[in-house]
Full PDB file with SEQRES, HELIX, SHEET, SSBOND, CRYST1, ORIGX, SCALE, CONECT and MASTER records, all heavy atoms in Angstrom:
SEQRES   1 A   37  PHE HIS PRO PHE LEU ASN ASP LYS SER VAL LYS MET ILE          
SEQRES   2 A   37  GLY VAL GLU ALA ALA GLY LEU GLY LEU HIS THR GLY LYS          
SEQRES   3 A   37  HIS ALA ALA PRO LEU SER ALA ARG MET PHE GLY                  
HELIX    1 AA1 HIS A    2  PHE A    4  5                                   3    
HELIX    2 AA2 LEU A   22  THR A   24  5                                   3    
CRYST1    1.000    1.000    1.000  90.00  90.00  90.00 P 1           1          
ORIGX1      1.000000  0.000000  0.000000        0.00000                         
ORIGX2      0.000000  1.000000  0.000000        0.00000                         
ORIGX3      0.000000  0.000000  1.000000        0.00000                         
SCALE1      1.000000  0.000000  0.000000        0.00000                         
SCALE2      0.000000  1.000000  0.000000        0.00000                         
SCALE3      0.000000  0.000000  1.000000        0.00000                         
ATOM      1  N   PHE A   1      57.394  36.665  -7.979  1.00  0.00           N  
ATOM      2  CA  PHE A   1      57.435  38.134  -7.989  1.00  0.00           C  
ATOM      3  C   PHE A   1      57.904  38.747  -6.663  1.00  0.00           C  
ATOM      4  O   PHE A   1      58.696  39.699  -6.661  1.00  0.00           O  
ATOM      5  CB  PHE A   1      56.045  38.710  -8.289  1.00  0.00           C  
ATOM      6  CG  PHE A   1      55.532  38.490  -9.685  1.00  0.00           C  
ATOM      7  CD1 PHE A   1      54.243  38.901 -10.031  1.00  0.00           C  
ATOM      8  CD2 PHE A   1      56.311  37.878 -10.662  1.00  0.00           C  
ATOM      9  CE1 PHE A   1      53.752  38.714 -11.313  1.00  0.00           C  
ATOM     10  CE2 PHE A   1      55.821  37.681 -11.950  1.00  0.00           C  
ATOM     11  CZ  PHE A   1      54.534  38.102 -12.270  1.00  0.00           C  
ATOM     12  N   HIS A   2      57.377  38.243  -5.553  1.00  0.00           N  
ATOM     13  CA  HIS A   2      57.496  38.986  -4.297  1.00  0.00           C  
ATOM     14  C   HIS A   2      58.934  39.262  -3.852  1.00  0.00           C  
ATOM     15  O   HIS A   2      59.230  40.375  -3.385  1.00  0.00           O  
ATOM     16  CB  HIS A   2      56.714  38.297  -3.181  1.00  0.00           C  
ATOM     17  CG  HIS A   2      56.315  39.242  -2.098  1.00  0.00           C  
ATOM     18  ND1 HIS A   2      57.071  39.441  -0.966  1.00  0.00           N  
ATOM     19  CD2 HIS A   2      55.264  40.093  -2.002  1.00  0.00           C  
ATOM     20  CE1 HIS A   2      56.495  40.352  -0.212  1.00  0.00           C  
ATOM     21  NE2 HIS A   2      55.400  40.770  -0.803  1.00  0.00           N  
ATOM     22  N   PRO A   3      59.859  38.309  -3.982  1.00  0.00           N  
ATOM     23  CA  PRO A   3      61.234  38.609  -3.576  1.00  0.00           C  
ATOM     24  C   PRO A   3      61.931  39.660  -4.447  1.00  0.00           C  
ATOM     25  O   PRO A   3      62.991  40.174  -4.076  1.00  0.00           O  
ATOM     26  CB  PRO A   3      61.932  37.247  -3.691  1.00  0.00           C  
ATOM     27  CG  PRO A   3      60.836  36.254  -3.480  1.00  0.00           C  
ATOM     28  CD  PRO A   3      59.665  36.853  -4.200  1.00  0.00           C  
ATOM     29  N   PHE A   4      61.348  39.989  -5.597  1.00  0.00           N  
ATOM     30  CA  PHE A   4      61.896  41.028  -6.469  1.00  0.00           C  
ATOM     31  C   PHE A   4      61.149  42.356  -6.320  1.00  0.00           C  
ATOM     32  O   PHE A   4      61.398  43.300  -7.078  1.00  0.00           O  
ATOM     33  CB  PHE A   4      61.798  40.598  -7.940  1.00  0.00           C  
ATOM     34  CG  PHE A   4      62.710  39.472  -8.340  1.00  0.00           C  
ATOM     35  CD1 PHE A   4      62.305  38.153  -8.190  1.00  0.00           C  
ATOM     36  CD2 PHE A   4      63.964  39.716  -8.891  1.00  0.00           C  
ATOM     37  CE1 PHE A   4      63.130  37.099  -8.587  1.00  0.00           C  
ATOM     38  CE2 PHE A   4      64.800  38.680  -9.284  1.00  0.00           C  
ATOM     39  CZ  PHE A   4      64.383  37.365  -9.128  1.00  0.00           C  
ATOM     40  N   LEU A   5      60.234  42.425  -5.372  1.00  0.00           N  
ATOM     41  CA  LEU A   5      59.324  43.569  -5.273  1.00  0.00           C  
ATOM     42  C   LEU A   5      60.052  44.910  -5.197  1.00  0.00           C  
ATOM     43  O   LEU A   5      59.638  45.891  -5.819  1.00  0.00           O  
ATOM     44  CB  LEU A   5      58.420  43.389  -4.048  1.00  0.00           C  
ATOM     45  CG  LEU A   5      57.243  44.347  -3.906  1.00  0.00           C  
ATOM     46  CD1 LEU A   5      56.324  44.277  -5.109  1.00  0.00           C  
ATOM     47  CD2 LEU A   5      56.460  44.019  -2.630  1.00  0.00           C  
ATOM     48  N   ASN A   6      61.149  44.961  -4.461  1.00  0.00           N  
ATOM     49  CA  ASN A   6      61.877  46.218  -4.287  1.00  0.00           C  
ATOM     50  C   ASN A   6      62.938  46.463  -5.352  1.00  0.00           C  
ATOM     51  O   ASN A   6      63.620  47.491  -5.327  1.00  0.00           O  
ATOM     52  CB  ASN A   6      62.518  46.256  -2.900  1.00  0.00           C  
ATOM     53  CG  ASN A   6      61.475  46.272  -1.793  1.00  0.00           C  
ATOM     54  OD1 ASN A   6      60.424  46.902  -1.944  1.00  0.00           O  
ATOM     55  ND2 ASN A   6      61.737  45.574  -0.698  1.00  0.00           N  
ATOM     56  N   ASP A   7      63.069  45.519  -6.277  1.00  0.00           N  
ATOM     57  CA  ASP A   7      64.006  45.688  -7.399  1.00  0.00           C  
ATOM     58  C   ASP A   7      63.268  46.375  -8.548  1.00  0.00           C  
ATOM     59  O   ASP A   7      62.724  45.719  -9.440  1.00  0.00           O  
ATOM     60  CB  ASP A   7      64.553  44.322  -7.850  1.00  0.00           C  
ATOM     61  CG  ASP A   7      65.299  43.605  -6.736  1.00  0.00           C  
ATOM     62  OD1 ASP A   7      66.145  44.246  -6.094  1.00  0.00           O  
ATOM     63  OD2 ASP A   7      65.028  42.411  -6.512  1.00  0.00           O  
ATOM     64  N   LYS A   8      63.240  47.682  -8.508  1.00  0.00           N  
ATOM     65  CA  LYS A   8      62.381  48.445  -9.419  1.00  0.00           C  
ATOM     66  C   LYS A   8      62.733  48.261 -10.890  1.00  0.00           C  
ATOM     67  O   LYS A   8      61.890  48.479 -11.771  1.00  0.00           O  
ATOM     68  CB  LYS A   8      62.431  49.937  -9.061  1.00  0.00           C  
ATOM     69  CG  LYS A   8      62.002  50.253  -7.631  1.00  0.00           C  
ATOM     70  CD  LYS A   8      60.587  49.761  -7.336  1.00  0.00           C  
ATOM     71  CE  LYS A   8      60.141  50.152  -5.924  1.00  0.00           C  
ATOM     72  NZ  LYS A   8      58.814  49.610  -5.588  1.00  0.00           N  
ATOM     73  N   SER A   9      63.949  47.838 -11.186  1.00  0.00           N  
ATOM     74  CA  SER A   9      64.343  47.648 -12.583  1.00  0.00           C  
ATOM     75  C   SER A   9      63.757  46.370 -13.184  1.00  0.00           C  
ATOM     76  O   SER A   9      63.746  46.190 -14.402  1.00  0.00           O  
ATOM     77  CB  SER A   9      65.868  47.594 -12.707  1.00  0.00           C  
ATOM     78  OG  SER A   9      66.378  46.444 -12.039  1.00  0.00           O  
ATOM     79  N   VAL A  10      63.269  45.486 -12.314  1.00  0.00           N  
ATOM     80  CA  VAL A  10      62.739  44.195 -12.773  1.00  0.00           C  
ATOM     81  C   VAL A  10      61.247  44.329 -13.043  1.00  0.00           C  
ATOM     82  O   VAL A  10      60.462  44.628 -12.143  1.00  0.00           O  
ATOM     83  CB  VAL A  10      62.989  43.088 -11.728  1.00  0.00           C  
ATOM     84  CG1 VAL A  10      62.434  41.752 -12.227  1.00  0.00           C  
ATOM     85  CG2 VAL A  10      64.471  42.971 -11.412  1.00  0.00           C  
ATOM     86  N   LYS A  11      60.852  44.109 -14.288  1.00  0.00           N  
ATOM     87  CA  LYS A  11      59.438  44.204 -14.674  1.00  0.00           C  
ATOM     88  C   LYS A  11      58.774  42.849 -14.475  1.00  0.00           C  
ATOM     89  O   LYS A  11      59.334  41.810 -14.807  1.00  0.00           O  
ATOM     90  CB  LYS A  11      59.312  44.666 -16.125  1.00  0.00           C  
ATOM     91  CG  LYS A  11      59.885  46.052 -16.380  1.00  0.00           C  
ATOM     92  CD  LYS A  11      59.797  46.427 -17.854  1.00  0.00           C  
ATOM     93  CE  LYS A  11      60.320  47.841 -18.095  1.00  0.00           C  
ATOM     94  NZ  LYS A  11      61.779  47.953 -17.783  1.00  0.00           N  
ATOM     95  N   MET A  12      57.551  42.880 -13.956  1.00  0.00           N  
ATOM     96  CA  MET A  12      56.834  41.652 -13.628  1.00  0.00           C  
ATOM     97  C   MET A  12      55.575  41.561 -14.490  1.00  0.00           C  
ATOM     98  O   MET A  12      54.774  42.504 -14.530  1.00  0.00           O  
ATOM     99  CB  MET A  12      56.485  41.624 -12.142  1.00  0.00           C  
ATOM    100  CG  MET A  12      57.707  41.863 -11.255  1.00  0.00           C  
ATOM    101  SD  MET A  12      57.465  41.599  -9.481  1.00  0.00           S  
ATOM    102  CE  MET A  12      56.138  42.713  -9.084  1.00  0.00           C  
ATOM    103  N   ILE A  13      55.395  40.422 -15.142  1.00  0.00           N  
ATOM    104  CA  ILE A  13      54.242  40.221 -16.020  1.00  0.00           C  
ATOM    105  C   ILE A  13      53.518  38.938 -15.632  1.00  0.00           C  
ATOM    106  O   ILE A  13      54.096  37.852 -15.657  1.00  0.00           O  
ATOM    107  CB  ILE A  13      54.655  40.145 -17.505  1.00  0.00           C  
ATOM    108  CG1 ILE A  13      55.389  41.418 -17.928  1.00  0.00           C  
ATOM    109  CG2 ILE A  13      53.426  39.922 -18.393  1.00  0.00           C  
ATOM    110  CD1 ILE A  13      55.905  41.378 -19.365  1.00  0.00           C  
ATOM    111  N   GLY A  14      52.248  39.074 -15.280  1.00  0.00           N  
ATOM    112  CA  GLY A  14      51.404  37.928 -14.991  1.00  0.00           C  
ATOM    113  C   GLY A  14      50.542  37.623 -16.205  1.00  0.00           C  
ATOM    114  O   GLY A  14      49.932  38.537 -16.778  1.00  0.00           O  
ATOM    115  N   VAL A  15      50.496  36.362 -16.595  1.00  0.00           N  
ATOM    116  CA  VAL A  15      49.773  35.969 -17.814  1.00  0.00           C  
ATOM    117  C   VAL A  15      48.492  35.236 -17.433  1.00  0.00           C  
ATOM    118  O   VAL A  15      48.529  34.115 -16.903  1.00  0.00           O  
ATOM    119  CB  VAL A  15      50.643  35.080 -18.719  1.00  0.00           C  
ATOM    120  CG1 VAL A  15      49.910  34.780 -20.021  1.00  0.00           C  
ATOM    121  CG2 VAL A  15      51.982  35.759 -19.004  1.00  0.00           C  
ATOM    122  N   GLU A  16      47.370  35.884 -17.693  1.00  0.00           N  
ATOM    123  CA  GLU A  16      46.070  35.290 -17.412  1.00  0.00           C  
ATOM    124  C   GLU A  16      45.560  34.491 -18.610  1.00  0.00           C  
ATOM    125  O   GLU A  16      46.058  34.626 -19.728  1.00  0.00           O  
ATOM    126  CB  GLU A  16      45.058  36.384 -17.069  1.00  0.00           C  
ATOM    127  CG  GLU A  16      45.366  37.155 -15.800  1.00  0.00           C  
ATOM    128  CD  GLU A  16      44.255  38.109 -15.431  1.00  0.00           C  
ATOM    129  OE1 GLU A  16      43.961  39.033 -16.225  1.00  0.00           O  
ATOM    130  OE2 GLU A  16      43.662  37.937 -14.355  1.00  0.00           O  
ATOM    131  N   ALA A  17      44.521  33.688 -18.354  1.00  0.00           N  
ATOM    132  CA  ALA A  17      43.928  32.864 -19.406  1.00  0.00           C  
ATOM    133  C   ALA A  17      42.855  33.655 -20.148  1.00  0.00           C  
ATOM    134  O   ALA A  17      41.775  33.900 -19.606  1.00  0.00           O  
ATOM    135  CB  ALA A  17      43.334  31.598 -18.806  1.00  0.00           C  
ATOM    136  N   ALA A  18      43.157  34.050 -21.384  1.00  0.00           N  
ATOM    137  CA  ALA A  18      42.191  34.803 -22.193  1.00  0.00           C  
ATOM    138  C   ALA A  18      41.191  33.887 -22.892  1.00  0.00           C  
ATOM    139  O   ALA A  18      40.314  34.370 -23.619  1.00  0.00           O  
ATOM    140  CB  ALA A  18      42.924  35.668 -23.215  1.00  0.00           C  
ATOM    141  N   GLY A  19      41.308  32.582 -22.684  1.00  0.00           N  
ATOM    142  CA  GLY A  19      40.312  31.640 -23.184  1.00  0.00           C  
ATOM    143  C   GLY A  19      40.071  31.738 -24.674  1.00  0.00           C  
ATOM    144  O   GLY A  19      40.989  31.614 -25.493  1.00  0.00           O  
ATOM    145  N   LEU A  20      38.831  31.994 -25.042  1.00  0.00           N  
ATOM    146  CA  LEU A  20      38.462  32.149 -26.455  1.00  0.00           C  
ATOM    147  C   LEU A  20      38.641  33.584 -26.924  1.00  0.00           C  
ATOM    148  O   LEU A  20      38.327  33.909 -28.070  1.00  0.00           O  
ATOM    149  CB  LEU A  20      37.014  31.702 -26.666  1.00  0.00           C  
ATOM    150  CG  LEU A  20      36.690  30.261 -26.254  1.00  0.00           C  
ATOM    151  CD1 LEU A  20      35.240  29.922 -26.559  1.00  0.00           C  
ATOM    152  CD2 LEU A  20      37.625  29.266 -26.917  1.00  0.00           C  
ATOM    153  N   GLY A  21      39.155  34.439 -26.042  1.00  0.00           N  
ATOM    154  CA  GLY A  21      39.366  35.852 -26.358  1.00  0.00           C  
ATOM    155  C   GLY A  21      38.619  36.731 -25.370  1.00  0.00           C  
ATOM    156  O   GLY A  21      37.478  36.421 -24.996  1.00  0.00           O  
ATOM    157  N   LEU A  22      39.252  37.818 -24.926  1.00  0.00           N  
ATOM    158  CA  LEU A  22      38.611  38.706 -23.947  1.00  0.00           C  
ATOM    159  C   LEU A  22      37.286  39.258 -24.465  1.00  0.00           C  
ATOM    160  O   LEU A  22      36.342  39.469 -23.700  1.00  0.00           O  
ATOM    161  CB  LEU A  22      39.553  39.854 -23.587  1.00  0.00           C  
ATOM    162  CG  LEU A  22      40.837  39.485 -22.834  1.00  0.00           C  
ATOM    163  CD1 LEU A  22      41.677  40.730 -22.584  1.00  0.00           C  
ATOM    164  CD2 LEU A  22      40.522  38.791 -21.513  1.00  0.00           C  
ATOM    165  N   HIS A  23      37.203  39.476 -25.767  1.00  0.00           N  
ATOM    166  CA  HIS A  23      35.997  40.058 -26.361  1.00  0.00           C  
ATOM    167  C   HIS A  23      34.805  39.105 -26.326  1.00  0.00           C  
ATOM    168  O   HIS A  23      33.649  39.533 -26.435  1.00  0.00           O  
ATOM    169  CB  HIS A  23      36.268  40.462 -27.816  1.00  0.00           C  
ATOM    170  CG  HIS A  23      36.559  39.314 -28.714  1.00  0.00           C  
ATOM    171  ND1 HIS A  23      37.766  38.654 -28.703  1.00  0.00           N  
ATOM    172  CD2 HIS A  23      35.787  38.683 -29.650  1.00  0.00           C  
ATOM    173  CE1 HIS A  23      37.739  37.673 -29.589  1.00  0.00           C  
ATOM    174  NE2 HIS A  23      36.557  37.665 -30.178  1.00  0.00           N  
ATOM    175  N   THR A  24      35.061  37.795 -26.138  1.00  0.00           N  
ATOM    176  CA  THR A  24      33.978  36.808 -26.152  1.00  0.00           C  
ATOM    177  C   THR A  24      33.294  36.656 -24.799  1.00  0.00           C  
ATOM    178  O   THR A  24      32.190  36.102 -24.711  1.00  0.00           O  
ATOM    179  CB  THR A  24      34.511  35.419 -26.563  1.00  0.00           C  
ATOM    180  OG1 THR A  24      35.365  34.908 -25.519  1.00  0.00           O  
ATOM    181  CG2 THR A  24      35.275  35.489 -27.871  1.00  0.00           C  
ATOM    182  N   GLY A  25      33.965  37.094 -23.737  1.00  0.00           N  
ATOM    183  CA  GLY A  25      33.445  36.857 -22.391  1.00  0.00           C  
ATOM    184  C   GLY A  25      33.764  35.469 -21.873  1.00  0.00           C  
ATOM    185  O   GLY A  25      33.536  35.171 -20.696  1.00  0.00           O  
ATOM    186  N   LYS A  26      34.310  34.618 -22.713  1.00  0.00           N  
ATOM    187  CA  LYS A  26      34.656  33.243 -22.314  1.00  0.00           C  
ATOM    188  C   LYS A  26      36.154  33.180 -22.022  1.00  0.00           C  
ATOM    189  O   LYS A  26      36.955  32.799 -22.874  1.00  0.00           O  
ATOM    190  CB  LYS A  26      34.248  32.250 -23.403  1.00  0.00           C  
ATOM    191  CG  LYS A  26      32.744  32.179 -23.637  1.00  0.00           C  
ATOM    192  CD  LYS A  26      32.391  31.134 -24.661  1.00  0.00           C  
ATOM    193  CE  LYS A  26      30.890  31.079 -24.911  1.00  0.00           C  
ATOM    194  NZ  LYS A  26      30.122  30.729 -23.691  1.00  0.00           N  
ATOM    195  N   HIS A  27      36.514  33.614 -20.839  1.00  0.00           N  
ATOM    196  CA  HIS A  27      37.920  33.666 -20.434  1.00  0.00           C  
ATOM    197  C   HIS A  27      38.021  33.595 -18.919  1.00  0.00           C  
ATOM    198  O   HIS A  27      37.005  33.458 -18.225  1.00  0.00           O  
ATOM    199  CB  HIS A  27      38.567  34.960 -20.959  1.00  0.00           C  
ATOM    200  CG  HIS A  27      37.928  36.214 -20.441  1.00  0.00           C  
ATOM    201  ND1 HIS A  27      38.225  36.752 -19.212  1.00  0.00           N  
ATOM    202  CD2 HIS A  27      36.999  37.039 -20.995  1.00  0.00           C  
ATOM    203  CE1 HIS A  27      37.517  37.856 -19.028  1.00  0.00           C  
ATOM    204  NE2 HIS A  27      36.763  38.057 -20.088  1.00  0.00           N  
ATOM    205  N   ALA A  28      39.243  33.675 -18.406  1.00  0.00           N  
ATOM    206  CA  ALA A  28      39.480  33.666 -16.961  1.00  0.00           C  
ATOM    207  C   ALA A  28      40.527  34.728 -16.639  1.00  0.00           C  
ATOM    208  O   ALA A  28      41.552  34.436 -16.020  1.00  0.00           O  
ATOM    209  CB  ALA A  28      39.927  32.277 -16.509  1.00  0.00           C  
ATOM    210  N   ALA A  29      40.252  35.950 -17.074  1.00  0.00           N  
ATOM    211  CA  ALA A  29      41.229  37.033 -16.964  1.00  0.00           C  
ATOM    212  C   ALA A  29      40.612  38.280 -16.332  1.00  0.00           C  
ATOM    213  O   ALA A  29      40.441  39.309 -16.997  1.00  0.00           O  
ATOM    214  CB  ALA A  29      41.786  37.359 -18.353  1.00  0.00           C  
ATOM    215  N   PRO A  30      40.291  38.234 -15.031  1.00  0.00           N  
ATOM    216  CA  PRO A  30      39.627  39.383 -14.400  1.00  0.00           C  
ATOM    217  C   PRO A  30      40.473  40.648 -14.371  1.00  0.00           C  
ATOM    218  O   PRO A  30      39.939  41.755 -14.486  1.00  0.00           O  
ATOM    219  CB  PRO A  30      39.324  38.880 -12.986  1.00  0.00           C  
ATOM    220  CG  PRO A  30      40.304  37.764 -12.751  1.00  0.00           C  
ATOM    221  CD  PRO A  30      40.477  37.119 -14.090  1.00  0.00           C  
ATOM    222  N   LEU A  31      41.795  40.522 -14.223  1.00  0.00           N  
ATOM    223  CA  LEU A  31      42.635  41.720 -14.171  1.00  0.00           C  
ATOM    224  C   LEU A  31      42.774  42.347 -15.556  1.00  0.00           C  
ATOM    225  O   LEU A  31      42.730  43.575 -15.697  1.00  0.00           O  
ATOM    226  CB  LEU A  31      44.008  41.381 -13.590  1.00  0.00           C  
ATOM    227  CG  LEU A  31      43.997  40.918 -12.125  1.00  0.00           C  
ATOM    228  CD1 LEU A  31      45.404  40.564 -11.658  1.00  0.00           C  
ATOM    229  CD2 LEU A  31      43.386  41.979 -11.212  1.00  0.00           C  
ATOM    230  N   SER A  32      42.920  41.513 -16.583  1.00  0.00           N  
ATOM    231  CA  SER A  32      42.979  42.039 -17.945  1.00  0.00           C  
ATOM    232  C   SER A  32      41.662  42.724 -18.318  1.00  0.00           C  
ATOM    233  O   SER A  32      41.650  43.717 -19.039  1.00  0.00           O  
ATOM    234  CB  SER A  32      43.264  40.900 -18.939  1.00  0.00           C  
ATOM    235  OG  SER A  32      44.520  40.305 -18.680  1.00  0.00           O  
ATOM    236  N   ALA A  33      40.557  42.188 -17.784  1.00  0.00           N  
ATOM    237  CA  ALA A  33      39.229  42.751 -18.069  1.00  0.00           C  
ATOM    238  C   ALA A  33      38.876  43.909 -17.146  1.00  0.00           C  
ATOM    239  O   ALA A  33      37.838  44.551 -17.327  1.00  0.00           O  
ATOM    240  CB  ALA A  33      38.175  41.661 -17.951  1.00  0.00           C  
ATOM    241  N   ARG A  34      39.725  44.168 -16.133  1.00  0.00           N  
ATOM    242  CA  ARG A  34      39.512  45.263 -15.169  1.00  0.00           C  
ATOM    243  C   ARG A  34      38.161  45.136 -14.463  1.00  0.00           C  
ATOM    244  O   ARG A  34      37.374  46.090 -14.376  1.00  0.00           O  
ATOM    245  CB  ARG A  34      39.616  46.623 -15.867  1.00  0.00           C  
ATOM    246  CG  ARG A  34      40.981  46.889 -16.491  1.00  0.00           C  
ATOM    247  CD  ARG A  34      41.973  47.382 -15.483  1.00  0.00           C  
ATOM    248  NE  ARG A  34      43.299  47.573 -16.035  1.00  0.00           N  
ATOM    249  CZ  ARG A  34      44.264  48.270 -15.448  1.00  0.00           C  
ATOM    250  NH1 ARG A  34      44.044  48.845 -14.276  1.00  0.00           N  
ATOM    251  NH2 ARG A  34      45.459  48.381 -15.982  1.00  0.00           N  
ATOM    252  N   MET A  35      37.896  43.951 -13.924  1.00  0.00           N  
ATOM    253  CA  MET A  35      36.657  43.696 -13.190  1.00  0.00           C  
ATOM    254  C   MET A  35      37.010  43.303 -11.756  1.00  0.00           C  
ATOM    255  O   MET A  35      37.955  42.547 -11.528  1.00  0.00           O  
ATOM    256  CB  MET A  35      35.855  42.581 -13.873  1.00  0.00           C  
ATOM    257  CG  MET A  35      35.468  42.896 -15.306  1.00  0.00           C  
ATOM    258  SD  MET A  35      34.701  41.495 -16.172  1.00  0.00           S  
ATOM    259  CE  MET A  35      33.079  41.510 -15.426  1.00  0.00           C  
ATOM    260  N   PHE A  36      36.232  43.817 -10.777  1.00  0.00           N  
ATOM    261  CA  PHE A  36      36.569  43.602  -9.374  1.00  0.00           C  
ATOM    262  C   PHE A  36      35.316  43.300  -8.545  1.00  0.00           C  
ATOM    263  O   PHE A  36      34.219  43.746  -8.874  1.00  0.00           O  
ATOM    264  CB  PHE A  36      37.287  44.835  -8.807  1.00  0.00           C  
ATOM    265  CG  PHE A  36      38.516  45.210  -9.584  1.00  0.00           C  
ATOM    266  CD1 PHE A  36      38.461  46.160 -10.597  1.00  0.00           C  
ATOM    267  CD2 PHE A  36      39.720  44.573  -9.345  1.00  0.00           C  
ATOM    268  CE1 PHE A  36      39.590  46.491 -11.340  1.00  0.00           C  
ATOM    269  CE2 PHE A  36      40.857  44.886 -10.082  1.00  0.00           C  
ATOM    270  CZ  PHE A  36      40.782  45.852 -11.078  1.00  0.00           C  
ATOM    271  N   GLY A  37      35.507  42.547  -7.461  1.00  0.00           N  
ATOM    272  CA  GLY A  37      34.398  42.201  -6.586  1.00  0.00           C  
ATOM    273  C   GLY A  37      34.879  41.335  -5.436  1.00  0.00           C  
ATOM    274  O   GLY A  37      36.084  41.213  -5.190  1.00  0.00           O  
TER     275      GLY A  37                                                      
MASTER        0    0    0    2    0    0    0    6  274    1    0    3          
END                                                                             
């Protein structure tokens, strides 16, 4: 991603591990879940 940072036309998508599903709590997707610490 970083070398394309200033290329505003380029969309960047990070794919996290949703595990058994975000709704189950059994995943590894803190950004998708909007949790911080």
